[in-house]
Amino acid sequence: MIRIYSQSYSSFMKIKKGDTVLIILGKDRGRKGKVLKALPKEQKVLVEGINLKKKHIRPKREEEKGQVVQIPAPVQISNVKVICPKCGKATRVGYKITENKKSRICKKCGKEI
């Protein structure tokens, strides 16, 4: 059976900008970093110092030299786990609704993220 989700469902992400995440798959497996940018439509996140790609920059003026700069490339959200600031473990994110307030919770310790 094939399920087709609407655009609003596919652009929903539980990982936000500023979260500390653990890379669980790929060449940077086991490394931690801070989320710089979340890309919900692509289901990817930019993580500081992870998945670095080299970009060649041309000189802007004659006296300048060209450079090779390393910039972070996006990582699939299925390859990262949020690290709970309270218990310090890599965990899944859940939601808890209390009195018109929806908050993210750690699935391991149950505290608010």
PDB file of N, CA and C in Angstrom:
ATOM      1  N   MET A   1       0.839  -1.174   0.000  1.00  0.00           N
ATOM      2  CA  MET A   1       0.000   0.000   0.000  1.00  0.00           C
ATOM      3  C   MET A   1       0.890   1.245   0.000  1.00  0.00           C
ATOM      4  N   ILE A   2       0.601   2.177  -0.876  1.00  0.00           N
ATOM      5  CA  ILE A   2       1.368   3.408  -0.986  1.00  0.00           C
ATOM      6  C   ILE A   2       0.580   4.524  -0.311  1.00  0.00           C
ATOM      7  N   ARG A   3       1.267   5.227   0.592  1.00  0.00           N
ATOM      8  CA  ARG A   3       0.626   6.360   1.262  1.00  0.00           C
ATOM      9  C   ARG A   3       1.186   7.650   0.693  1.00  0.00           C
ATOM     10  N   ILE A   4       0.304   8.572   0.412  1.00  0.00           N
ATOM     11  CA  ILE A   4       0.729   9.881  -0.084  1.00  0.00           C
ATOM     12  C   ILE A   4       0.369  10.901   0.979  1.00  0.00           C
ATOM     13  N   TYR A   5       1.402  11.597   1.500  1.00  0.00           N
ATOM     14  CA  TYR A   5       1.174  12.592   2.533  1.00  0.00           C
ATOM     15  C   TYR A   5       1.066  13.968   1.910  1.00  0.00           C
ATOM     16  N   SER A   6       0.316  14.813   2.561  1.00  0.00           N
ATOM     17  CA  SER A   6       0.177  16.183   2.076  1.00  0.00           C
ATOM     18  C   SER A   6       1.472  16.945   2.324  1.00  0.00           C
ATOM     19  N   GLN A   7       1.618  18.090   1.696  1.00  0.00           N
ATOM     20  CA  GLN A   7       2.827  18.901   1.810  1.00  0.00           C
ATOM     21  C   GLN A   7       3.037  19.375   3.245  1.00  0.00           C
ATOM     22  N   SER A   8       1.962  19.676   3.967  1.00  0.00           N
ATOM     23  CA  SER A   8       2.087  20.180   5.332  1.00  0.00           C
ATOM     24  C   SER A   8       2.679  19.125   6.269  1.00  0.00           C
ATOM     25  N   TYR A   9       2.346  17.848   6.055  1.00  0.00           N
ATOM     26  CA  TYR A   9       2.884  16.787   6.904  1.00  0.00           C
ATOM     27  C   TYR A   9       4.364  16.567   6.620  1.00  0.00           C
ATOM     28  N   SER A  10       4.757  16.592   5.366  1.00  0.00           N
ATOM     29  CA  SER A  10       6.144  16.299   5.012  1.00  0.00           C
ATOM     30  C   SER A  10       7.085  17.426   5.406  1.00  0.00           C
ATOM     31  N   SER A  11       6.573  18.633   5.644  1.00  0.00           N
ATOM     32  CA  SER A  11       7.445  19.742   6.017  1.00  0.00           C
ATOM     33  C   SER A  11       7.484  19.950   7.538  1.00  0.00           C
ATOM     34  N   PHE A  12       6.983  18.981   8.315  1.00  0.00           N
ATOM     35  CA  PHE A  12       6.970  19.061   9.767  1.00  0.00           C
ATOM     36  C   PHE A  12       8.239  18.425  10.320  1.00  0.00           C
ATOM     37  N   MET A  13       8.936  19.149  11.218  1.00  0.00           N
ATOM     38  CA  MET A  13      10.169  18.627  11.792  1.00  0.00           C
ATOM     39  C   MET A  13      10.185  18.836  13.299  1.00  0.00           C
ATOM     40  N   LYS A  14      10.748  17.858  14.019  1.00  0.00           N
ATOM     41  CA  LYS A  14      10.852  17.961  15.468  1.00  0.00           C
ATOM     42  C   LYS A  14      12.192  18.539  15.896  1.00  0.00           C
ATOM     43  N   ILE A  15      13.114  18.719  14.955  1.00  0.00           N
ATOM     44  CA  ILE A  15      14.424  19.294  15.253  1.00  0.00           C
ATOM     45  C   ILE A  15      14.397  20.764  14.889  1.00  0.00           C
ATOM     46  N   LYS A  16      14.827  21.605  15.820  1.00  0.00           N
ATOM     47  CA  LYS A  16      14.776  23.056  15.633  1.00  0.00           C
ATOM     48  C   LYS A  16      16.176  23.657  15.603  1.00  0.00           C
ATOM     49  N   LYS A  17      16.251  24.884  15.151  1.00  0.00           N
ATOM     50  CA  LYS A  17      17.508  25.630  15.148  1.00  0.00           C
ATOM     51  C   LYS A  17      17.983  25.817  16.588  1.00  0.00           C
ATOM     52  N   GLY A  18      19.268  25.588  16.833  1.00  0.00           N
ATOM     53  CA  GLY A  18      19.829  25.745  18.165  1.00  0.00           C
ATOM     54  C   GLY A  18      19.920  24.454  18.962  1.00  0.00           C
ATOM     55  N   ASP A  19      19.273  23.377  18.499  1.00  0.00           N
ATOM     56  CA  ASP A  19      19.358  22.083  19.175  1.00  0.00           C
ATOM     57  C   ASP A  19      20.759  21.501  19.016  1.00  0.00           C
ATOM     58  N   THR A  20      21.206  20.764  20.026  1.00  0.00           N
ATOM     59  CA  THR A  20      22.445  20.006  19.919  1.00  0.00           C
ATOM     60  C   THR A  20      22.066  18.607  19.462  1.00  0.00           C
ATOM     61  N   VAL A  21      22.719  18.136  18.395  1.00  0.00           N
ATOM     62  CA  VAL A  21      22.359  16.839  17.831  1.00  0.00           C
ATOM     63  C   VAL A  21      23.570  15.920  17.740  1.00  0.00           C
ATOM     64  N   LEU A  22      23.293  14.617  17.682  1.00  0.00           N
ATOM     65  CA  LEU A  22      24.301  13.578  17.511  1.00  0.00           C
ATOM     66  C   LEU A  22      24.095  12.954  16.140  1.00  0.00           C
ATOM     67  N   ILE A  23      25.161  12.836  15.361  1.00  0.00           N
ATOM     68  CA  ILE A  23      25.082  12.209  14.046  1.00  0.00           C
ATOM     69  C   ILE A  23      25.143  10.691  14.249  1.00  0.00           C
ATOM     70  N   ILE A  24      24.137   9.968  13.742  1.00  0.00           N
ATOM     71  CA  ILE A  24      24.062   8.526  13.975  1.00  0.00           C
ATOM     72  C   ILE A  24      24.428   7.706  12.749  1.00  0.00           C
ATOM     73  N   LEU A  25      24.632   8.360  11.603  1.00  0.00           N
ATOM     74  CA  LEU A  25      24.932   7.633  10.378  1.00  0.00           C
ATOM     75  C   LEU A  25      25.789   8.487   9.457  1.00  0.00           C
ATOM     76  N   GLY A  26      26.677   7.865   8.722  1.00  0.00           N
ATOM     77  CA  GLY A  26      27.489   8.572   7.736  1.00  0.00           C
ATOM     78  C   GLY A  26      28.930   8.730   8.181  1.00  0.00           C
ATOM     79  N   LYS A  27      29.671   9.548   7.425  1.00  0.00           N
ATOM     80  CA  LYS A  27      31.101   9.693   7.689  1.00  0.00           C
ATOM     81  C   LYS A  27      31.399  10.415   8.998  1.00  0.00           C
ATOM     82  N   ASP A  28      30.460  11.193   9.517  1.00  0.00           N
ATOM     83  CA  ASP A  28      30.640  11.929  10.770  1.00  0.00           C
ATOM     84  C   ASP A  28      29.939  11.254  11.944  1.00  0.00           C
ATOM     85  N   ARG A  29      29.681   9.943  11.843  1.00  0.00           N
ATOM     86  CA  ARG A  29      28.949   9.200  12.881  1.00  0.00           C
ATOM     87  C   ARG A  29      29.617   9.355  14.245  1.00  0.00           C
ATOM     88  N   GLY A  30      28.801   9.669  15.269  1.00  0.00           N
ATOM     89  CA  GLY A  30      29.300   9.808  16.629  1.00  0.00           C
ATOM     90  C   GLY A  30      29.672  11.233  17.016  1.00  0.00           C
ATOM     91  N   ARG A  31      29.688  12.149  16.058  1.00  0.00           N
ATOM     92  CA  ARG A  31      30.051  13.539  16.358  1.00  0.00           C
ATOM     93  C   ARG A  31      28.815  14.346  16.749  1.00  0.00           C
ATOM     94  N   LYS A  32      29.037  15.375  17.556  1.00  0.00           N
ATOM     95  CA  LYS A  32      27.955  16.244  18.018  1.00  0.00           C
ATOM     96  C   LYS A  32      28.127  17.630  17.424  1.00  0.00           C
ATOM     97  N   GLY A  33      27.013  18.342  17.267  1.00  0.00           N
ATOM     98  CA  GLY A  33      27.063  19.697  16.747  1.00  0.00           C
ATOM     99  C   GLY A  33      25.759  20.417  16.986  1.00  0.00           C
ATOM    100  N   LYS A  34      25.788  21.722  16.771  1.00  0.00           N
ATOM    101  CA  LYS A  34      24.626  22.574  16.969  1.00  0.00           C
ATOM    102  C   LYS A  34      23.955  22.823  15.619  1.00  0.00           C
ATOM    103  N   VAL A  35      22.623  22.779  15.593  1.00  0.00           N
ATOM    104  CA  VAL A  35      21.878  23.001  14.358  1.00  0.00           C
ATOM    105  C   VAL A  35      21.919  24.493  14.022  1.00  0.00           C
ATOM    106  N   LEU A  36      22.451  24.810  12.843  1.00  0.00           N
ATOM    107  CA  LEU A  36      22.531  26.197  12.397  1.00  0.00           C
ATOM    108  C   LEU A  36      21.274  26.631  11.662  1.00  0.00           C
ATOM    109  N   LYS A  37      20.694  25.686  10.907  1.00  0.00           N
ATOM    110  CA  LYS A  37      19.520  25.999  10.096  1.00  0.00           C
ATOM    111  C   LYS A  37      18.715  24.735   9.863  1.00  0.00           C
ATOM    112  N   ALA A  38      17.402  24.847   9.929  1.00  0.00           N
ATOM    113  CA  ALA A  38      16.511  23.726   9.653  1.00  0.00           C
ATOM    114  C   ALA A  38      15.847  23.958   8.301  1.00  0.00           C
ATOM    115  N   LEU A  39      15.824  22.924   7.467  1.00  0.00           N
ATOM    116  CA  LEU A  39      15.216  23.001   6.141  1.00  0.00           C
ATOM    117  C   LEU A  39      14.058  22.011   6.079  1.00  0.00           C
ATOM    118  N   PRO A  40      12.849  22.412   6.553  1.00  0.00           N
ATOM    119  CA  PRO A  40      11.734  21.466   6.680  1.00  0.00           C
ATOM    120  C   PRO A  40      11.230  20.884   5.359  1.00  0.00           C
ATOM    121  N   LYS A  41      11.223  21.650   4.292  1.00  0.00           N
ATOM    122  CA  LYS A  41      10.707  21.126   3.022  1.00  0.00           C
ATOM    123  C   LYS A  41      11.609  20.048   2.448  1.00  0.00           C
ATOM    124  N   GLU A  42      12.907  20.143   2.732  1.00  0.00           N
ATOM    125  CA  GLU A  42      13.858  19.149   2.252  1.00  0.00           C
ATOM    126  C   GLU A  42      14.122  18.058   3.290  1.00  0.00           C
ATOM    127  N   GLN A  43      13.582  18.203   4.507  1.00  0.00           N
ATOM    128  CA  GLN A  43      13.801  17.266   5.615  1.00  0.00           C
ATOM    129  C   GLN A  43      15.288  17.146   5.941  1.00  0.00           C
ATOM    130  N   LYS A  44      15.975  18.310   5.992  1.00  0.00           N
ATOM    131  CA  LYS A  44      17.412  18.338   6.267  1.00  0.00           C
ATOM    132  C   LYS A  44      17.730  19.421   7.281  1.00  0.00           C
ATOM    133  N   VAL A  45      18.905  19.303   7.909  1.00  0.00           N
ATOM    134  CA  VAL A  45      19.400  20.320   8.838  1.00  0.00           C
ATOM    135  C   VAL A  45      20.870  20.613   8.535  1.00  0.00           C
ATOM    136  N   LEU A  46      21.281  21.859   8.792  1.00  0.00           N
ATOM    137  CA  LEU A  46      22.683  22.243   8.692  1.00  0.00           C
ATOM    138  C   LEU A  46      23.258  22.177  10.091  1.00  0.00           C
ATOM    139  N   VAL A  47      24.313  21.384  10.279  1.00  0.00           N
ATOM    140  CA  VAL A  47      24.912  21.211  11.594  1.00  0.00           C
ATOM    141  C   VAL A  47      26.327  21.789  11.568  1.00  0.00           C
ATOM    142  N   GLU A  48      26.651  22.546  12.609  1.00  0.00           N
ATOM    143  CA  GLU A  48      27.941  23.224  12.700  1.00  0.00           C
ATOM    144  C   GLU A  48      29.093  22.220  12.738  1.00  0.00           C
ATOM    145  N   GLY A  49      30.029  22.328  11.778  1.00  0.00           N
ATOM    146  CA  GLY A  49      31.214  21.491  11.744  1.00  0.00           C
ATOM    147  C   GLY A  49      31.004  20.069  11.262  1.00  0.00           C
ATOM    148  N   ILE A  50      29.824  19.751  10.740  1.00  0.00           N
ATOM    149  CA  ILE A  50      29.504  18.394  10.283  1.00  0.00           C
ATOM    150  C   ILE A  50      29.233  18.418   8.782  1.00  0.00           C
ATOM    151  N   ASN A  51      29.640  17.353   8.082  1.00  0.00           N
ATOM    152  CA  ASN A  51      29.412  17.196   6.652  1.00  0.00           C
ATOM    153  C   ASN A  51      29.993  18.382   5.870  1.00  0.00           C
ATOM    154  N   LEU A  52      31.267  18.681   6.133  1.00  0.00           N
ATOM    155  CA  LEU A  52      31.913  19.821   5.500  1.00  0.00           C
ATOM    156  C   LEU A  52      32.274  19.515   4.048  1.00  0.00           C
ATOM    157  N   LYS A  53      31.953  20.459   3.179  1.00  0.00           N
ATOM    158  CA  LYS A  53      32.275  20.371   1.764  1.00  0.00           C
ATOM    159  C   LYS A  53      33.204  21.528   1.410  1.00  0.00           C
ATOM    160  N   LYS A  54      34.077  21.310   0.429  1.00  0.00           N
ATOM    161  CA  LYS A  54      35.004  22.361   0.009  1.00  0.00           C
ATOM    162  C   LYS A  54      34.386  23.173  -1.117  1.00  0.00           C
ATOM    163  N   LYS A  55      34.494  24.502  -0.982  1.00  0.00           N
ATOM    164  CA  LYS A  55      33.984  25.411  -2.009  1.00  0.00           C
ATOM    165  C   LYS A  55      35.139  26.282  -2.473  1.00  0.00           C
ATOM    166  N   HIS A  56      35.352  26.333  -3.771  1.00  0.00           N
ATOM    167  CA  HIS A  56      36.427  27.138  -4.344  1.00  0.00           C
ATOM    168  C   HIS A  56      35.902  28.533  -4.628  1.00  0.00           C
ATOM    169  N   ILE A  57      36.602  29.533  -4.110  1.00  0.00           N
ATOM    170  CA  ILE A  57      36.173  30.922  -4.259  1.00  0.00           C
ATOM    171  C   ILE A  57      37.172  31.650  -5.150  1.00  0.00           C
ATOM    172  N   ARG A  58      36.646  32.330  -6.158  1.00  0.00           N
ATOM    173  CA  ARG A  58      37.482  33.091  -7.074  1.00  0.00           C
ATOM    174  C   ARG A  58      37.895  34.404  -6.428  1.00  0.00           C
ATOM    175  N   PRO A  59      39.035  34.948  -6.824  1.00  0.00           N
ATOM    176  CA  PRO A  59      39.435  36.254  -6.290  1.00  0.00           C
ATOM    177  C   PRO A  59      38.520  37.356  -6.810  1.00  0.00           C
ATOM    178  N   LYS A  60      38.164  38.292  -5.936  1.00  0.00           N
ATOM    179  CA  LYS A  60      37.271  39.391  -6.335  1.00  0.00           C
ATOM    180  C   LYS A  60      38.051  40.526  -7.009  1.00  0.00           C
ATOM    181  N   ARG A  61      39.274  40.756  -6.544  1.00  0.00           N
ATOM    182  CA  ARG A  61      40.132  41.792  -7.140  1.00  0.00           C
ATOM    183  C   ARG A  61      41.417  41.156  -7.658  1.00  0.00           C
ATOM    184  N   GLU A  62      42.171  41.907  -8.432  1.00  0.00           N
ATOM    185  CA  GLU A  62      43.388  41.372  -9.031  1.00  0.00           C
ATOM    186  C   GLU A  62      44.442  40.983  -7.998  1.00  0.00           C
ATOM    187  N   GLU A  63      44.579  41.778  -6.953  1.00  0.00           N
ATOM    188  CA  GLU A  63      45.618  41.497  -5.957  1.00  0.00           C
ATOM    189  C   GLU A  63      45.233  40.385  -4.972  1.00  0.00           C
ATOM    190  N   GLU A  64      43.964  39.988  -4.961  1.00  0.00           N
ATOM    191  CA  GLU A  64      43.510  38.920  -4.070  1.00  0.00           C
ATOM    192  C   GLU A  64      43.856  37.542  -4.634  1.00  0.00           C
ATOM    193  N   LYS A  65      43.912  36.580  -3.745  1.00  0.00           N
ATOM    194  CA  LYS A  65      44.124  35.193  -4.148  1.00  0.00           C
ATOM    195  C   LYS A  65      42.813  34.423  -4.022  1.00  0.00           C
ATOM    196  N   GLY A  66      42.704  33.368  -4.805  1.00  0.00           N
ATOM    197  CA  GLY A  66      41.554  32.482  -4.674  1.00  0.00           C
ATOM    198  C   GLY A  66      41.700  31.626  -3.421  1.00  0.00           C
ATOM    199  N   GLN A  67      40.578  31.105  -2.925  1.00  0.00           N
ATOM    200  CA  GLN A  67      40.609  30.334  -1.682  1.00  0.00           C
ATOM    201  C   GLN A  67      39.784  29.064  -1.819  1.00  0.00           C
ATOM    202  N   VAL A  68      40.057  28.126  -0.932  1.00  0.00           N
ATOM    203  CA  VAL A  68      39.226  26.938  -0.778  1.00  0.00           C
ATOM    204  C   VAL A  68      38.658  27.002   0.630  1.00  0.00           C
ATOM    205  N   VAL A  69      37.333  27.139   0.721  1.00  0.00           N
ATOM    206  CA  VAL A  69      36.651  27.309   2.007  1.00  0.00           C
ATOM    207  C   VAL A  69      35.802  26.079   2.281  1.00  0.00           C
ATOM    208  N   GLN A  70      35.786  25.644   3.542  1.00  0.00           N
ATOM    209  CA  GLN A  70      34.931  24.515   3.928  1.00  0.00           C
ATOM    210  C   GLN A  70      33.621  25.046   4.506  1.00  0.00           C
ATOM    211  N   ILE A  71      32.504  24.596   3.930  1.00  0.00           N
ATOM    212  CA  ILE A  71      31.187  25.011   4.405  1.00  0.00           C
ATOM    213  C   ILE A  71      30.378  23.760   4.749  1.00  0.00           C
ATOM    214  N   PRO A  72      29.486  23.857   5.765  1.00  0.00           N
ATOM    215  CA  PRO A  72      28.669  22.680   6.107  1.00  0.00           C
ATOM    216  C   PRO A  72      27.570  22.450   5.074  1.00  0.00           C
ATOM    217  N   ALA A  73      27.354  21.197   4.716  1.00  0.00           N
ATOM    218  CA  ALA A  73      26.278  20.810   3.805  1.00  0.00           C
ATOM    219  C   ALA A  73      25.145  20.199   4.634  1.00  0.00           C
ATOM    220  N   PRO A  74      23.908  20.253   4.133  1.00  0.00           N
ATOM    221  CA  PRO A  74      22.775  19.709   4.893  1.00  0.00           C
ATOM    222  C   PRO A  74      22.869  18.199   5.123  1.00  0.00           C
ATOM    223  N   VAL A  75      22.298  17.749   6.262  1.00  0.00           N
ATOM    224  CA  VAL A  75      22.265  16.339   6.651  1.00  0.00           C
ATOM    225  C   VAL A  75      20.800  15.937   6.786  1.00  0.00           C
ATOM    226  N   GLN A  76      20.452  14.737   6.339  1.00  0.00           N
ATOM    227  CA  GLN A  76      19.082  14.239   6.493  1.00  0.00           C
ATOM    228  C   GLN A  76      18.716  14.143   7.980  1.00  0.00           C
ATOM    229  N   ILE A  77      17.464  14.505   8.321  1.00  0.00           N
ATOM    230  CA  ILE A  77      17.069  14.461   9.739  1.00  0.00           C
ATOM    231  C   ILE A  77      16.963  13.028  10.262  1.00  0.00           C
ATOM    232  N   SER A  78      16.852  12.059   9.363  1.00  0.00           N
ATOM    233  CA  SER A  78      16.813  10.663   9.809  1.00  0.00           C
ATOM    234  C   SER A  78      18.190  10.206  10.289  1.00  0.00           C
ATOM    235  N   ASN A  79      19.231  10.979   9.994  1.00  0.00           N
ATOM    236  CA  ASN A  79      20.592  10.614  10.386  1.00  0.00           C
ATOM    237  C   ASN A  79      21.070  11.341  11.634  1.00  0.00           C
ATOM    238  N   VAL A  80      20.186  12.086  12.290  1.00  0.00           N
ATOM    239  CA  VAL A  80      20.558  12.806  13.510  1.00  0.00           C
ATOM    240  C   VAL A  80      19.557  12.527  14.626  1.00  0.00           C
ATOM    241  N   LYS A  81      20.048  12.623  15.879  1.00  0.00           N
ATOM    242  CA  LYS A  81      19.190  12.507  17.063  1.00  0.00           C
ATOM    243  C   LYS A  81      19.453  13.702  17.952  1.00  0.00           C
ATOM    244  N   VAL A  82      18.409  14.220  18.562  1.00  0.00           N
ATOM    245  CA  VAL A  82      18.538  15.359  19.474  1.00  0.00           C
ATOM    246  C   VAL A  82      19.155  14.889  20.783  1.00  0.00           C
ATOM    247  N   ILE A  83      20.065  15.694  21.333  1.00  0.00           N
ATOM    248  CA  ILE A  83      20.651  15.401  22.642  1.00  0.00           C
ATOM    249  C   ILE A  83      19.887  16.213  23.672  1.00  0.00           C
ATOM    250  N   CYS A  84      19.310  15.528  24.660  1.00  0.00           N
ATOM    251  CA  CYS A  84      18.526  16.180  25.711  1.00  0.00           C
ATOM    252  C   CYS A  84      19.446  17.027  26.592  1.00  0.00           C
ATOM    253  N   PRO A  85      19.126  18.317  26.799  1.00  0.00           N
ATOM    254  CA  PRO A  85      19.974  19.148  27.659  1.00  0.00           C
ATOM    255  C   PRO A  85      19.905  18.754  29.137  1.00  0.00           C
ATOM    256  N   LYS A  86      18.843  18.051  29.553  1.00  0.00           N
ATOM    257  CA  LYS A  86      18.689  17.667  30.962  1.00  0.00           C
ATOM    258  C   LYS A  86      19.468  16.389  31.295  1.00  0.00           C
ATOM    259  N   CYS A  87      19.223  15.308  30.517  1.00  0.00           N
ATOM    260  CA  CYS A  87      19.871  14.029  30.831  1.00  0.00           C
ATOM    261  C   CYS A  87      21.138  13.787  30.005  1.00  0.00           C
ATOM    262  N   GLY A  88      21.342  14.528  28.923  1.00  0.00           N
ATOM    263  CA  GLY A  88      22.559  14.414  28.126  1.00  0.00           C
ATOM    264  C   GLY A  88      22.608  13.212  27.203  1.00  0.00           C
ATOM    265  N   LYS A  89      21.460  12.536  26.992  1.00  0.00           N
ATOM    266  CA  LYS A  89      21.420  11.355  26.133  1.00  0.00           C
ATOM    267  C   LYS A  89      20.817  11.700  24.773  1.00  0.00           C
ATOM    268  N   ALA A  90      21.223  10.953  23.750  1.00  0.00           N
ATOM    269  CA  ALA A  90      20.615  11.093  22.423  1.00  0.00           C
ATOM    270  C   ALA A  90      19.232  10.450  22.491  1.00  0.00           C
ATOM    271  N   THR A  91      18.213  11.190  22.067  1.00  0.00           N
ATOM    272  CA  THR A  91      16.846  10.735  22.268  1.00  0.00           C
ATOM    273  C   THR A  91      15.933  11.141  21.132  1.00  0.00           C
ATOM    274  N   ARG A  92      14.757  10.538  21.131  1.00  0.00           N
ATOM    275  CA  ARG A  92      13.703  10.971  20.221  1.00  0.00           C
ATOM    276  C   ARG A  92      12.936  12.103  20.893  1.00  0.00           C
ATOM    277  N   VAL A  93      12.182  12.842  20.111  1.00  0.00           N
ATOM    278  CA  VAL A  93      11.432  13.983  20.642  1.00  0.00           C
ATOM    279  C   VAL A  93       9.948  13.651  20.619  1.00  0.00           C
ATOM    280  N   GLY A  94       9.275  13.939  21.737  1.00  0.00           N
ATOM    281  CA  GLY A  94       7.841  13.775  21.820  1.00  0.00           C
ATOM    282  C   GLY A  94       7.202  15.116  22.136  1.00  0.00           C
ATOM    283  N   TYR A  95       5.880  15.151  22.165  1.00  0.00           N
ATOM    284  CA  TYR A  95       5.173  16.384  22.474  1.00  0.00           C
ATOM    285  C   TYR A  95       4.227  16.173  23.635  1.00  0.00           C
ATOM    286  N   LYS A  96       4.042  17.216  24.425  1.00  0.00           N
ATOM    287  CA  LYS A  96       3.118  17.189  25.549  1.00  0.00           C
ATOM    288  C   LYS A  96       2.296  18.464  25.495  1.00  0.00           C
ATOM    289  N   ILE A  97       0.981  18.313  25.556  1.00  0.00           N
ATOM    290  CA  ILE A  97       0.093  19.473  25.496  1.00  0.00           C
ATOM    291  C   ILE A  97      -0.495  19.710  26.879  1.00  0.00           C
ATOM    292  N   THR A  98      -0.228  20.907  27.433  1.00  0.00           N
ATOM    293  CA  THR A  98      -0.762  21.283  28.735  1.00  0.00           C
ATOM    294  C   THR A  98      -1.303  22.701  28.677  1.00  0.00           C
ATOM    295  N   GLU A  99      -2.577  22.857  28.964  1.00  0.00           N
ATOM    296  CA  GLU A  99      -3.237  24.168  29.020  1.00  0.00           C
ATOM    297  C   GLU A  99      -2.852  25.086  27.860  1.00  0.00           C
ATOM    298  N   ASN A 100      -3.222  24.692  26.655  1.00  0.00           N
ATOM    299  CA  ASN A 100      -2.983  25.478  25.429  1.00  0.00           C
ATOM    300  C   ASN A 100      -1.506  25.703  25.134  1.00  0.00           C
ATOM    301  N   LYS A 101      -0.613  24.880  25.676  1.00  0.00           N
ATOM    302  CA  LYS A 101       0.808  25.005  25.403  1.00  0.00           C
ATOM    303  C   LYS A 101       1.337  23.646  24.953  1.00  0.00           C
ATOM    304  N   LYS A 102       1.969  23.641  23.785  1.00  0.00           N
ATOM    305  CA  LYS A 102       2.552  22.413  23.248  1.00  0.00           C
ATOM    306  C   LYS A 102       4.060  22.513  23.431  1.00  0.00           C
ATOM    307  N   SER A 103       4.636  21.550  24.164  1.00  0.00           N
ATOM    308  CA  SER A 103       6.072  21.593  24.428  1.00  0.00           C
ATOM    309  C   SER A 103       6.720  20.280  24.013  1.00  0.00           C
ATOM    310  N   ARG A 104       7.993  20.369  23.625  1.00  0.00           N
ATOM    311  CA  ARG A 104       8.753  19.183  23.239  1.00  0.00           C
ATOM    312  C   ARG A 104       9.317  18.521  24.488  1.00  0.00           C
ATOM    313  N   ILE A 105       9.248  17.195  24.532  1.00  0.00           N
ATOM    314  CA  ILE A 105       9.774  16.459  25.687  1.00  0.00           C
ATOM    315  C   ILE A 105      10.754  15.382  25.221  1.00  0.00           C
ATOM    316  N   CYS A 106      11.652  15.021  26.133  1.00  0.00           N
ATOM    317  CA  CYS A 106      12.625  13.946  25.911  1.00  0.00           C
ATOM    318  C   CYS A 106      11.895  12.618  26.140  1.00  0.00           C
ATOM    319  N   LYS A 107      12.053  11.680  25.219  1.00  0.00           N
ATOM    320  CA  LYS A 107      11.400  10.381  25.362  1.00  0.00           C
ATOM    321  C   LYS A 107      12.069   9.485  26.396  1.00  0.00           C
ATOM    322  N   LYS A 108      13.327   9.809  26.776  1.00  0.00           N
ATOM    323  CA  LYS A 108      14.049   8.980  27.747  1.00  0.00           C
ATOM    324  C   LYS A 108      13.799   9.422  29.182  1.00  0.00           C
ATOM    325  N   CYS A 109      13.914  10.742  29.457  1.00  0.00           N
ATOM    326  CA  CYS A 109      13.752  11.202  30.843  1.00  0.00           C
ATOM    327  C   CYS A 109      12.393  11.857  31.083  1.00  0.00           C
ATOM    328  N   GLY A 110      11.657  12.236  30.015  1.00  0.00           N
ATOM    329  CA  GLY A 110      10.335  12.811  30.161  1.00  0.00           C
ATOM    330  C   GLY A 110      10.316  14.291  30.468  1.00  0.00           C
ATOM    331  N   LYS A 111      11.489  14.931  30.545  1.00  0.00           N
ATOM    332  CA  LYS A 111      11.546  16.369  30.851  1.00  0.00           C
ATOM    333  C   LYS A 111      11.450  17.190  29.578  1.00  0.00           C
ATOM    334  N   GLU A 112      11.098  18.460  29.745  1.00  0.00           N
ATOM    335  CA  GLU A 112      10.942  19.369  28.604  1.00  0.00           C
ATOM    336  C   GLU A 112      12.303  19.744  27.999  1.00  0.00           C
ATOM    337  N   ILE A 113      12.337  19.768  26.671  1.00  0.00           N
ATOM    338  CA  ILE A 113      13.579  20.136  25.966  1.00  0.00           C
ATOM    339  C   ILE A 113      13.573  21.637  25.732  1.00  0.00           C
TER     340      ILE A 113
END
